[in-house]
Protein backbone atom coordinates (compact mmCIF):
# COMPACT_ATOMS: atom_id res chain seq x y z
CA UNK A 1 69.47 103.59 -43.04
CA UNK A 2 65.85 104.18 -43.38
CA UNK A 3 63.37 103.32 -46.24
CA UNK A 4 60.42 105.20 -47.64
CA UNK A 5 57.95 103.48 -49.66
CA UNK A 6 55.10 104.73 -51.88
CA UNK A 7 56.63 108.00 -52.57
CA UNK A 8 54.59 109.31 -55.56
CA UNK A 9 55.65 111.82 -58.32
CA UNK A 10 53.99 112.72 -61.44
CA UNK A 11 55.37 111.02 -64.52
CA UNK A 12 56.89 113.99 -65.99
CA UNK A 13 58.59 115.33 -62.72
CA UNK A 14 61.76 117.35 -62.99
CA UNK A 15 65.11 115.54 -62.61
CA UNK A 16 65.96 117.22 -59.47
CA UNK A 17 62.53 116.69 -57.65
CA UNK A 18 63.10 113.65 -55.82
CA UNK A 19 65.44 115.02 -52.99
CA UNK A 20 62.91 117.88 -52.24
CA UNK A 21 60.21 115.27 -52.12
CA UNK A 22 62.21 113.09 -49.69
CA UNK A 23 62.83 115.91 -47.53
CA UNK A 24 59.17 116.98 -47.36
CA UNK A 25 58.14 113.47 -46.78
CA UNK A 26 60.38 113.08 -43.78
CA UNK A 27 60.07 116.83 -42.52
CA UNK A 28 63.82 117.37 -42.67
CA UNK A 29 66.19 120.14 -43.66
CA UNK A 30 68.45 119.61 -46.56
CA UNK A 31 71.59 119.38 -44.49
CA UNK A 32 70.00 116.47 -42.43
CA UNK A 33 69.98 114.20 -45.54
CA UNK A 34 73.43 112.91 -46.31
CA UNK A 35 72.31 110.55 -49.24
CA UNK A 36 69.47 108.60 -50.76
CA UNK A 37 69.28 105.83 -53.33
CA UNK A 38 66.40 104.63 -55.41
CA UNK A 39 65.58 101.00 -54.48
CA UNK A 40 62.60 100.59 -56.61
CA UNK A 41 60.69 102.66 -59.22
CA UNK A 42 57.37 101.50 -60.50
CA UNK A 43 54.34 103.33 -61.95
CA UNK A 44 50.53 103.53 -61.46
CA UNK A 45 48.90 103.85 -64.83
CA UNK A 46 45.31 103.34 -63.94
CA UNK A 47 44.69 106.98 -64.79
CA UNK A 48 46.21 107.00 -68.17
CA UNK A 49 46.19 110.84 -68.50
CA UNK A 50 48.01 111.21 -65.01
CA UNK A 51 50.32 108.35 -64.64
CA UNK A 52 52.48 108.78 -61.55
CA UNK A 53 55.99 107.17 -60.61
CA UNK A 54 56.11 105.30 -57.25
CA UNK A 55 59.44 105.20 -55.52
CA UNK A 56 60.95 103.38 -52.76
CA UNK A 57 63.97 105.25 -51.43
CA UNK A 58 66.71 104.34 -48.93
CA UNK A 59 67.90 107.28 -46.94
CA UNK A 60 71.15 107.99 -45.00
CA UNK A 61 70.92 110.82 -42.63
CA UNK A 62 73.85 113.01 -41.83
CA UNK A 63 73.78 112.05 -38.13
CA UNK A 64 72.93 108.47 -37.87
CA UNK A 65 71.74 109.19 -34.14
CA UNK A 66 68.86 111.01 -35.74
CA UNK A 67 67.50 107.83 -37.45
CA UNK A 68 66.18 106.49 -34.20
CA UNK A 69 64.10 109.49 -33.26
CA UNK A 70 62.76 109.92 -36.77
CA UNK A 71 61.66 106.10 -36.90
CA UNK A 72 60.02 106.79 -33.60
CA UNK A 73 58.15 109.71 -35.01
CA UNK A 74 56.91 107.64 -37.96
CA UNK A 75 56.41 104.31 -35.95
CA UNK A 76 52.63 104.38 -36.95
CA UNK A 77 53.41 104.91 -40.61
CA UNK A 78 53.77 101.76 -42.64
CA UNK A 79 55.82 103.51 -45.41
CA UNK A 80 58.72 104.68 -43.20
CA UNK A 81 60.85 101.86 -41.88
CA UNK A 82 64.20 100.69 -41.20
CA UNK A 83 65.95 99.61 -44.68
CA UNK A 84 66.11 95.77 -44.65
CA UNK A 85 69.55 94.19 -45.02
CA UNK A 86 69.71 92.82 -48.65
CA UNK A 87 73.40 91.63 -48.57
CA UNK A 88 73.96 87.98 -49.50
CA UNK A 89 75.53 85.79 -46.94
CA UNK A 90 77.12 82.40 -47.79
CA UNK A 91 76.29 79.33 -45.89
CA UNK A 92 80.00 78.32 -45.68
CA UNK A 93 83.28 78.22 -47.57
CA UNK A 94 85.52 75.33 -48.31
CA UNK A 95 88.78 75.32 -46.26
CA UNK A 96 92.03 75.60 -48.23
CA UNK A 97 92.64 71.93 -48.24
CA UNK A 98 89.11 70.86 -49.16
CA UNK A 99 89.97 69.73 -52.52
CA UNK A 100 93.04 67.82 -51.64
CA UNK A 101 90.99 65.31 -49.67
CA UNK A 102 90.05 63.43 -52.87
CA UNK A 103 86.43 63.97 -52.44
CA UNK A 104 84.42 64.08 -55.95
CA UNK A 105 83.55 67.48 -57.01
CA UNK A 106 79.91 68.47 -57.25
CA UNK A 107 78.24 68.15 -60.75
CA UNK A 108 75.72 70.59 -62.23
CA UNK A 109 73.95 69.11 -65.21
CA UNK A 110 72.51 72.07 -67.24
CA UNK A 111 73.85 75.48 -67.75
CA UNK A 112 70.45 77.59 -68.06
CA UNK A 113 69.73 80.28 -65.35
CA UNK A 114 69.34 77.65 -62.63
CA UNK A 115 72.56 75.73 -63.45
CA UNK A 116 74.31 78.99 -64.00
CA UNK A 117 73.62 80.44 -60.59
CA UNK A 118 74.04 76.95 -58.80
CA UNK A 119 77.47 76.67 -60.44
CA UNK A 120 78.32 80.21 -59.46
CA UNK A 121 77.48 79.91 -55.91
CA UNK A 122 79.35 76.67 -55.60
CA UNK A 123 82.39 78.21 -57.09
CA UNK A 124 82.14 81.30 -54.88
CA UNK A 125 81.95 78.87 -52.00
CA UNK A 126 85.27 77.35 -53.11
CA UNK A 127 83.74 73.91 -54.09
CA UNK A 128 84.93 73.86 -57.88
CA UNK A 129 81.84 72.51 -59.58
CA UNK A 130 81.77 70.58 -62.95
CA UNK A 131 79.04 71.84 -65.28
CA UNK A 132 77.90 69.45 -67.93
CA UNK A 133 75.86 71.18 -70.58
CA UNK A 134 74.50 69.17 -73.69
CA UNK A 135 74.35 72.12 -75.94
CA UNK A 136 77.11 74.54 -77.26
CA UNK A 137 78.70 77.71 -75.82
CA UNK A 138 76.24 80.71 -76.36
CA UNK A 139 77.84 82.26 -79.60
CA UNK A 140 78.05 78.93 -81.30
CA UNK A 141 74.53 78.10 -80.00
CA UNK A 142 73.21 81.43 -81.50
CA UNK A 143 74.58 80.54 -84.82
CA UNK A 144 72.77 77.00 -84.85
CA UNK A 145 69.51 78.78 -83.53
CA UNK A 146 69.60 81.15 -86.57
CA UNK A 147 70.21 78.00 -88.82
CA UNK A 148 66.66 76.89 -87.98
CA UNK A 149 65.19 80.59 -88.28
CA UNK A 150 66.87 81.30 -91.41
CA UNK A 151 67.50 78.02 -93.25
CA UNK A 152 64.98 75.62 -91.59
CA UNK A 153 67.72 73.56 -90.32
CA UNK A 154 67.36 72.28 -86.74
CA UNK A 155 70.31 70.95 -84.57
CA UNK A 156 68.68 68.82 -81.89
CA UNK A 157 71.47 69.56 -79.42
CA UNK A 158 72.05 73.22 -79.98
CA UNK A 159 68.69 75.35 -80.30
CA UNK A 160 66.48 77.69 -78.28
CA UNK A 161 66.24 75.13 -75.60
CA UNK A 162 69.56 73.53 -75.31
CA UNK A 163 72.84 75.46 -74.83
CA UNK A 164 74.66 77.99 -72.65
CA UNK A 165 72.20 80.08 -70.95
CA UNK A 166 69.19 77.93 -71.39
CA UNK A 167 65.89 78.95 -73.00
CA UNK A 168 66.07 82.11 -71.01
CA UNK A 169 68.69 83.42 -73.51
CA UNK A 170 66.22 83.52 -76.38
CA UNK A 171 63.41 85.32 -74.47
CA UNK A 172 62.50 88.88 -73.38
CA UNK A 173 65.15 88.50 -70.67
CA UNK A 174 62.46 89.26 -68.00
CA UNK A 175 64.08 89.67 -64.47
CA UNK A 176 61.09 89.76 -62.17
CA UNK A 177 59.19 87.27 -60.44
CA UNK A 178 56.35 86.84 -58.04
CA UNK A 179 58.02 84.31 -55.87
CA UNK A 180 58.30 84.77 -52.11
CA UNK A 181 61.92 86.33 -51.39
CA UNK A 182 62.36 86.86 -47.43
CA UNK A 183 66.19 86.46 -47.97
CA UNK A 184 66.38 88.91 -50.86
CA UNK A 185 68.03 86.35 -53.32
CA UNK A 186 66.60 88.13 -56.18
CA UNK A 187 68.88 91.00 -55.31
CA UNK A 188 71.82 88.54 -55.43
CA UNK A 189 70.84 87.40 -59.06
CA UNK A 190 70.42 91.05 -60.16
CA UNK A 191 73.70 92.10 -58.53
CA UNK A 192 75.56 89.40 -60.39
CA UNK A 193 73.97 90.45 -63.71
CA UNK A 194 75.11 93.89 -63.20
CA UNK A 195 78.59 92.66 -62.35
CA UNK A 196 78.39 90.89 -65.49
CA UNK A 197 77.43 93.93 -67.58
CA UNK A 198 73.65 94.45 -67.31
CA UNK A 199 72.47 98.06 -66.92
CA UNK A 200 72.24 99.07 -63.45
CA UNK A 201 68.69 100.10 -63.75
CA UNK A 202 67.61 96.46 -63.48
CA UNK A 203 68.35 97.00 -59.61
CA UNK A 204 65.54 99.39 -59.17
CA UNK A 205 62.97 99.46 -62.19
CA UNK A 206 59.96 97.43 -61.32
CA UNK A 207 60.03 95.11 -64.37
CA UNK A 208 63.57 94.89 -65.34
CA UNK A 209 64.61 93.17 -68.54
CA UNK A 210 67.90 92.71 -70.53
CA UNK A 211 67.08 91.02 -73.87
CA UNK A 212 68.99 88.31 -75.88
CA UNK A 213 71.88 90.32 -77.19
CA UNK A 214 72.88 91.76 -73.75
CA UNK A 215 72.39 88.24 -72.13
CA UNK A 216 75.05 86.69 -74.48
CA UNK A 217 78.02 88.68 -73.29
CA UNK A 218 76.69 88.56 -69.66
CA UNK A 219 76.70 84.81 -69.73
CA UNK A 220 80.17 84.60 -71.06
CA UNK A 221 81.40 86.87 -68.27
CA UNK A 222 79.79 84.78 -65.69
CA UNK A 223 81.05 81.62 -67.14
CA UNK A 224 84.58 83.25 -66.95
CA UNK A 225 84.09 84.13 -63.32
CA UNK A 226 83.02 80.43 -62.44
CA UNK A 227 86.24 79.07 -64.42
CA UNK A 228 88.32 81.70 -62.52
CA UNK A 229 87.24 80.22 -59.22
CA UNK A 230 88.05 76.74 -60.06
CA UNK A 231 84.83 75.57 -61.74
CA UNK A 232 84.69 73.77 -65.04
CA UNK A 233 82.18 74.03 -67.89
CA UNK A 234 82.17 71.15 -70.35
CA UNK A 235 79.79 71.77 -73.40
CA UNK A 236 78.28 69.08 -75.64
CA UNK A 237 78.30 66.68 -72.83
CA UNK A 238 74.72 65.05 -72.62
CA UNK A 239 74.21 62.88 -69.49
CA UNK A 240 72.61 59.57 -70.65
CA UNK A 241 72.60 57.64 -67.27
CA UNK A 242 72.96 58.05 -63.60
CA UNK A 243 74.69 55.59 -61.13
CA UNK A 244 72.75 54.99 -58.15
CA UNK A 245 73.91 52.91 -55.16
CA UNK A 246 72.03 52.13 -52.10
CA UNK A 247 69.54 55.10 -52.77
CA UNK A 248 72.45 57.49 -53.15
CA UNK A 249 73.85 59.06 -56.37
CA UNK A 250 77.37 57.90 -57.23
CA UNK A 251 77.93 59.18 -60.69
CA UNK A 252 76.87 59.92 -64.15
CA UNK A 253 77.43 58.46 -67.68
CA UNK A 254 77.92 60.68 -70.58
CA UNK A 255 76.90 60.03 -74.30
CA UNK A 256 80.58 59.61 -74.96
CA UNK A 257 80.72 56.63 -72.48
CA UNK A 258 82.80 58.62 -69.95
CA UNK A 259 81.67 57.96 -66.41
CA UNK A 260 81.99 60.75 -63.84
CA UNK A 261 82.05 59.92 -60.00
CA UNK A 262 79.98 62.27 -58.06
CA UNK A 263 78.17 62.22 -54.67
CA UNK A 264 76.31 65.57 -55.14
CA UNK A 265 74.55 66.30 -58.47
CA UNK A 266 72.48 69.38 -59.23
CA UNK A 267 69.74 68.34 -62.00
CA UNK A 268 69.19 71.65 -63.66
CA UNK A 269 67.87 70.22 -66.83
CA UNK A 270 65.37 72.66 -68.29
CA UNK A 271 61.78 71.90 -69.38
CA UNK A 272 62.74 70.26 -72.67
CA UNK A 273 65.24 67.53 -71.64
CA UNK A 274 62.82 64.98 -72.50
CA UNK A 275 65.25 61.94 -73.07
CA UNK A 276 66.88 62.70 -69.69
CA UNK A 277 63.57 62.59 -67.75
CA UNK A 278 62.72 59.34 -69.46
CA UNK A 279 66.14 57.93 -68.35
CA UNK A 280 65.67 59.13 -64.77
CA UNK A 281 62.07 57.54 -64.73
CA UNK A 282 63.50 54.30 -65.76
CA UNK A 283 66.14 54.49 -63.11
CA UNK A 284 63.51 54.98 -60.66
CA UNK A 285 64.02 58.62 -59.61
CA UNK A 286 60.86 59.81 -58.01
CA UNK A 287 58.95 62.03 -60.17
CA UNK A 288 55.22 63.22 -60.76
CA UNK A 289 53.04 64.43 -63.43
CA UNK A 290 51.92 68.17 -63.19
CA UNK A 291 49.73 70.66 -64.82
CA UNK A 292 50.86 72.89 -67.46
CA UNK A 293 49.49 74.99 -70.38
CA UNK A 294 49.27 75.04 -74.24
CA UNK A 295 47.93 77.47 -76.65
CA UNK A 296 49.17 80.07 -79.40
CA UNK A 297 51.24 83.07 -79.74
CA UNK A 298 49.32 86.34 -80.48
CA UNK A 299 50.84 89.37 -82.23
CA UNK A 300 49.53 92.85 -82.24
CA UNK A 301 51.00 96.10 -83.22
CA UNK A 302 53.00 97.39 -80.24
CA UNK A 303 51.31 100.79 -80.64
CA UNK A 304 47.79 99.33 -79.93
CA UNK A 305 49.06 97.96 -76.62
CA UNK A 306 50.94 101.28 -75.68
CA UNK A 307 47.84 103.34 -76.33
CA UNK A 308 45.60 100.86 -74.39
CA UNK A 309 47.71 100.93 -71.33
CA UNK A 310 49.25 104.40 -71.25
CA UNK A 311 46.72 106.44 -73.35
CA UNK A 312 48.34 110.02 -73.99
CA UNK A 313 51.54 108.97 -72.31
CA UNK A 314 52.17 106.19 -74.85
CA UNK A 315 55.80 106.42 -75.99
CA UNK A 316 57.14 107.78 -72.91
CA UNK A 317 60.89 106.71 -72.44
CA UNK A 318 60.34 105.98 -68.87
CA UNK A 319 57.41 103.77 -69.28
CA UNK A 320 58.97 101.98 -72.38
CA UNK A 321 56.89 99.59 -74.41
CA UNK A 322 53.76 98.48 -72.49
CA UNK A 323 53.11 94.92 -71.53
CA UNK A 324 49.85 93.27 -70.33
CA UNK A 325 48.80 90.39 -68.05
CA UNK A 326 45.33 88.90 -68.97
CA UNK A 327 43.29 86.12 -67.52
CA UNK A 328 39.78 84.70 -68.44
CA UNK A 329 37.79 81.90 -66.77
CA UNK A 330 35.89 80.29 -69.72
CA UNK A 331 32.36 78.65 -69.43
CA UNK A 332 33.78 75.25 -70.01
CA UNK A 333 35.79 75.58 -66.71
CA UNK A 334 39.05 76.36 -68.52
CA UNK A 335 41.45 79.14 -67.50
CA UNK A 336 42.92 81.23 -70.49
CA UNK A 337 45.80 83.61 -69.64
CA UNK A 338 48.72 85.43 -71.13
CA UNK A 339 51.87 83.98 -70.77
CA UNK A 340 55.55 85.49 -71.35
CA UNK A 341 54.33 88.72 -72.80
CA UNK A 342 57.19 90.29 -74.96
CA UNK A 343 56.62 93.79 -75.87
CA UNK A 344 58.24 95.10 -79.15
CA UNK A 345 59.45 91.61 -79.71
CA UNK A 346 59.35 88.62 -81.95
CA UNK A 347 57.79 85.09 -82.12
CA UNK A 348 60.54 82.46 -82.47
CA UNK A 349 60.80 78.93 -83.48
CA UNK A 350 61.65 77.00 -80.21
CA UNK A 351 61.58 73.40 -80.92
CA UNK A 352 64.37 70.91 -79.93
CA UNK A 353 63.09 67.86 -81.80
CA UNK A 354 63.03 67.05 -85.30
CA UNK A 355 59.58 67.30 -87.01
CA UNK A 356 57.93 69.44 -84.51
CA UNK A 357 56.84 73.10 -84.37
CA UNK A 358 57.23 74.93 -81.07
CA UNK A 359 56.81 78.83 -80.68
CA UNK A 360 58.16 81.20 -77.88
CA UNK A 361 58.44 84.98 -77.67
CA UNK A 362 61.62 87.10 -77.60
CA UNK A 363 62.68 90.66 -77.06
CA UNK A 364 65.83 92.71 -77.36
CA UNK A 365 66.69 95.25 -74.70
CA UNK A 366 65.47 98.13 -76.83
CA UNK A 367 61.92 96.45 -77.35
CA UNK A 368 61.54 98.48 -80.47
CA UNK A 369 60.06 95.89 -82.85
CA UNK A 370 56.80 96.51 -84.40
CA UNK A 371 54.67 93.88 -82.86
CA UNK A 372 54.00 92.85 -79.24
CA UNK A 373 53.48 89.09 -78.73
CA UNK A 374 52.49 86.87 -75.83
CA UNK A 375 51.32 83.18 -75.45
CA UNK A 376 47.48 82.93 -75.02
CA UNK A 377 47.40 79.54 -73.23
CA UNK A 378 45.03 77.15 -71.64
CA UNK A 379 45.61 75.32 -68.37
CA UNK A 380 45.50 71.62 -68.50
CA UNK A 381 45.81 68.90 -65.84
CA UNK A 382 47.34 65.38 -65.80
CA UNK A 383 43.84 64.00 -66.22
CA UNK A 384 43.59 65.84 -69.52
CA UNK A 385 46.70 64.25 -70.93
CA UNK A 386 46.60 60.75 -69.37
CA UNK A 387 47.28 58.33 -72.05
CA UNK A 388 45.10 55.77 -70.23
CA UNK A 389 42.68 57.62 -68.35
CA UNK A 390 41.12 54.30 -66.90
CA UNK A 391 44.41 53.05 -65.40
CA UNK A 392 44.44 52.73 -61.74
CA UNK A 393 46.92 55.16 -59.76
CA UNK A 394 48.48 58.46 -60.64
CA UNK A 395 49.08 59.66 -64.22
CA UNK A 396 52.30 58.55 -65.61
CA UNK A 397 54.92 61.60 -65.28
CA UNK A 398 56.03 60.93 -68.98
CA UNK A 399 52.29 61.23 -70.36
CA UNK A 400 52.62 65.03 -70.53
CA UNK A 401 55.73 64.88 -72.89
CA UNK A 402 53.74 62.56 -75.15
CA UNK A 403 50.80 65.04 -75.19
CA UNK A 404 53.27 67.89 -75.96
CA UNK A 405 54.89 65.81 -78.86
CA UNK A 406 51.44 65.04 -80.47
CA UNK A 407 50.52 68.73 -80.60
CA UNK A 408 53.87 69.83 -81.86
CA UNK A 409 53.91 67.13 -84.64
CA UNK A 410 50.45 68.30 -85.48
CA UNK A 411 51.65 71.80 -85.77
CA UNK A 412 54.55 70.72 -87.93
CA UNK A 413 52.10 68.96 -90.42
CA UNK A 414 49.74 72.05 -90.47
CA UNK A 415 52.82 74.55 -91.13
CA UNK A 416 53.67 72.37 -94.36
CA UNK A 417 56.34 70.19 -92.77
CA UNK A 418 59.26 72.48 -93.08
CA UNK A 419 59.23 74.28 -89.61
CA UNK A 420 56.94 77.00 -90.91
CA UNK A 421 54.33 77.42 -88.35
CA UNK A 422 50.57 77.26 -88.75
CA UNK A 423 48.79 80.60 -88.33
CA UNK A 424 45.26 82.18 -88.41
CA UNK A 425 43.96 85.75 -88.04
CA UNK A 426 42.11 86.38 -84.93
CA UNK A 427 38.94 87.35 -86.73
CA UNK A 428 38.82 84.28 -88.65
CA UNK A 429 39.68 82.17 -85.53
CA UNK A 430 36.88 83.62 -83.65
CA UNK A 431 34.45 82.88 -86.45
CA UNK A 432 35.81 79.42 -87.08
CA UNK A 433 36.84 79.99 -90.50
CA UNK A 434 40.09 79.28 -92.47
CA UNK A 435 42.48 82.38 -92.94
CA UNK A 436 43.94 82.83 -96.51
CA UNK A 437 45.44 86.28 -96.52
CA UNK A 438 47.30 88.50 -94.00
CA UNK A 439 45.85 91.80 -92.86
CA UNK A 440 47.78 94.72 -91.50
CA UNK A 441 49.70 92.70 -89.01
CA UNK A 442 52.67 90.66 -90.39
CA UNK A 443 53.75 87.68 -88.40
CA UNK A 444 57.37 87.95 -87.01
CA UNK A 445 58.05 84.13 -86.60
CA UNK A 446 60.71 82.72 -88.80
CA UNK A 447 60.98 80.33 -90.94
CA UNK A 448 57.46 81.52 -91.78
CA UNK A 449 53.98 81.38 -91.13
CA UNK A 450 51.42 79.29 -93.18
CA UNK A 451 48.02 80.56 -92.82
CA UNK A 452 44.99 78.07 -92.31
CA UNK A 453 42.95 76.84 -89.59
CA UNK A 454 44.23 76.38 -86.12
CA UNK A 455 41.38 74.40 -84.80
CA UNK A 456 43.10 70.89 -85.42
CA UNK A 457 46.25 71.92 -83.69
CA UNK A 458 44.81 71.91 -80.03
CA UNK A 459 42.09 69.72 -78.22
CA UNK A 460 38.41 71.23 -78.69
CA UNK A 461 38.34 72.25 -75.12
CA UNK A 462 41.32 74.56 -75.62
CA UNK A 463 40.11 75.95 -78.92
CA UNK A 464 36.58 76.69 -77.33
CA UNK A 465 38.09 78.48 -74.40
CA UNK A 466 40.53 80.67 -76.34
CA UNK A 467 37.71 81.64 -78.77
CA UNK A 468 35.63 82.85 -75.83
CA UNK A 469 38.64 84.66 -74.06
CA UNK A 470 39.74 86.75 -77.08
CA UNK A 471 36.64 88.96 -77.23
CA UNK A 472 36.71 89.10 -73.40
CA UNK A 473 40.29 90.44 -73.42
CA UNK A 474 39.09 93.18 -75.71
CA UNK A 475 37.32 94.54 -72.68
CA UNK A 476 40.58 95.04 -70.97
CA UNK A 477 42.74 96.19 -73.88
CA UNK A 478 41.02 97.99 -76.73
CA UNK A 479 42.02 96.32 -79.84
CA UNK A 480 43.05 92.98 -78.62
CA UNK A 481 40.57 91.10 -80.64
CA UNK A 482 41.30 93.13 -83.89
CA UNK A 483 40.55 90.96 -86.74
CA UNK A 484 43.98 91.18 -88.37
CA UNK A 485 45.87 90.15 -85.36
CA UNK A 486 47.84 86.87 -85.76
CA UNK A 487 47.62 83.76 -83.86
CA UNK A 488 50.75 81.39 -84.44
CA UNK A 489 50.72 77.95 -83.21
CA UNK A 490 51.90 76.15 -81.18
CA UNK A 491 53.02 77.13 -77.62
CA UNK A 492 53.38 73.94 -75.51
CA UNK A 493 56.63 74.60 -73.46
CA UNK A 494 55.07 76.92 -70.93
CA UNK A 495 56.55 74.84 -68.01
CA UNK A 496 57.75 71.43 -67.34
CA UNK A 497 55.00 68.66 -67.65
CA UNK A 498 56.51 66.82 -64.71
CA UNK A 499 57.99 67.67 -61.16
CA UNK A 500 61.19 65.73 -59.99
CA UNK A 501 60.01 65.84 -56.37
CA UNK A 502 62.48 66.82 -53.53
CA UNK A 503 62.15 67.20 -49.82
CA UNK A 504 63.05 70.33 -47.55
CA UNK A 505 66.68 69.29 -47.91
CA UNK A 506 66.29 70.05 -51.71
CA UNK A 507 67.36 66.49 -52.38
CA UNK A 508 65.29 63.79 -54.37
CA UNK A 509 62.93 62.06 -52.17
CA UNK A 510 64.44 58.71 -52.97
CA UNK A 511 67.98 59.50 -54.30
CA UNK A 512 70.30 61.17 -51.74
CA UNK A 513 72.84 63.62 -53.27
CA UNK A 514 70.54 64.27 -56.29
CA UNK A 515 69.16 67.91 -56.30
CA UNK A 516 66.38 68.56 -58.90
CA UNK A 517 66.32 72.14 -59.51
CA UNK A 518 64.76 74.94 -61.63
CA UNK A 519 62.09 74.93 -64.29
CA UNK A 520 62.61 71.47 -65.62
CA UNK A 521 62.25 69.78 -62.09
CA UNK A 522 59.02 71.76 -61.77
CA UNK A 523 60.38 74.27 -59.28
CA UNK A 524 60.73 77.66 -61.07
CA UNK A 525 59.19 79.53 -64.00
CA UNK A 526 61.51 82.13 -65.62
CA UNK A 527 64.95 83.51 -65.23
CA UNK A 528 64.79 85.03 -61.93
CA UNK A 529 62.91 82.16 -60.16
CA UNK A 530 65.29 79.60 -61.73
CA UNK A 531 68.19 81.73 -60.65
CA UNK A 532 66.98 81.85 -57.09
CA UNK A 533 66.25 78.03 -57.02
CA UNK A 534 69.74 77.60 -58.14
CA UNK A 535 71.18 79.62 -55.38
CA UNK A 536 69.16 77.89 -52.77
CA UNK A 537 70.02 74.39 -54.16
CA UNK A 538 73.75 75.14 -54.31
CA UNK A 539 73.44 76.41 -50.58
CA UNK A 540 71.86 73.14 -49.65
CA UNK A 541 74.43 71.00 -51.54
CA UNK A 542 77.18 73.07 -50.19
CA UNK A 543 76.11 72.91 -46.57
CA UNK A 544 75.82 69.05 -47.01
CA UNK A 545 79.25 68.59 -48.53
CA UNK A 546 80.92 70.97 -46.11
CA UNK A 547 79.36 69.28 -43.18
CA UNK A 548 80.75 65.88 -44.38
CA UNK A 549 84.21 67.32 -44.57
C-alpha cells in the first residue's frame, strides 16, 4: 500500500472525480489501480470563494510488485510514501489460567472516556477489570441532568460531570486532538467508536464529532463489550479512601464501607472529583498545582460564523457548521482564547456541587441549533490562585479548587440563587455597563439566564483581558463582537486545576500500582486525548501485571 497526501480537489468536485485524480497524480493507467480508500479529508478555506478539499489516499495497486518501482519514482516527493501500519497491537494477553491464581483484579476508578478505554483495553487483554463509577449509568444520568436543566434540581452524584461517559457525553463529542500520536492510538479510539455505532466518516473527516445522543448508545455498547470480556462495571460506587502500604496501593474503600483489594488501580477521575482529590492529597499521593483557565461562554448566530469562515460556501453540507479557534495576547500579559467551540449547539449547566453555577457547551451530531457557542477564557497560573501568596514553597494543589469554587458560588449569586446563570450582552460588557434586555441573540442556557453585570464574577485582570480580546477577535471573524451576542458565566472547568504526577511507567511518583490518568490527573484534555491516555495507562498496567504472573 502507498499513501498520497495533499491531493486537492474543488469543493464541488464530481462524485467520481477522486479516482481519476489519483491516477493522474501517480501517472497510472486505470487497470493498474486495484483500490483506494480515503484516509483523511480536510479543507482549505483561506479563499472563501474557492474552498478546496484536501485528501489523504491509501492506494493498492493491481500488481504489488509495481509499488516498489512507483515509490522509487516518487522518492523525492514528500506526498507519495508507503502507507503506515495503523493496526493496534496489544502489549500482551493473560494466559487462560491467569485469573485462577487468586490475584486481585485491576480497578478502574471513573468511567469517562479515559476510564472507558482503560477498561476496554484491560478487558481485551483478558484482565477482567472492575470499574467503579460514582455516578449512574448513562440513561439514568441523562434524566438527572435534565432535572437540573428543566427543573433546577441538581443531583451532586449524577450530572454533567459524574456518571457513565464522563463530561464528554454532554459536549460536542469532538474526536480530534493535537497530541503527538506516533503509534496511531487515535485510530484505535475511532475504530472502537465505529464498532460501537458511530458513523464511519469519523475515520476520515478532519474534525470528526458525534454529539450527545449518539454517544449515549455507543457508550452502552462499549460497556456491554467490556462485560462480555469478563469486566465488571459498578455504578453509584464512590471511592472515599485508598489503602496504601509501604508506598504501594493495596485497595480502596467505597462510600458504602465496602473495601476492595487491588494492587493495580487506574485513577480516571475527571476534572471535577474534588472530594477525591482532597482525599488523595490527605493520604500523601504526590500532586501539584497547575495552570488552567476561567471565563465565559459566548453565543452568536451560527449563520454569522458560517459566513465569516466560508463566505459564499456557507451551508455546504460537506463543510457543515463552521467552527473557529481564536487567541489574543492582552496588554496586561494575559492570554485569551476560545475553548471547546460548539457549532450549532447549546450552552449547558455543568455544575456538580450545590449552590454553584458552571457552564459548558454541547452539540448534537446534526449541529443544527441556531447559535454557535464557545468558551472565551483567560489563562491563570498557580500564583494567581494561591490562597497564601506569601507562603514558602509551591502552591497547594487544592488551592485551584477553592479558587474555582469562589467563582462558581459568586456566579450562583449573580444568577439569582436558583441555578440560572448570570449573563451580559457583548456590547454592554465591552462598555462596562449593565445589560437589561436581550437583543436578537437568545441565550440557550437552561435553566435560564439573568442579565446584569458580569464584572463581579471574575478577577479584574480576566475581565480586562476579555474586554480587550472581543473587539480584537472581530478582526478575524466579522460579527464576533456584535453588541447582541451573549456572554454567559462562568466557565471554570476548562481542565483540572492539579496534576497527580506520574513517572514514565505511568505510575504515581510515590505510590506504586496507582496509575493517574486522563483529564482529572492533568494528562489529557478532551475525548480523544483522554481515550488515548486510557489506552497507554492500561498497557502499562497490563504489562506490569502480566510480568509479575
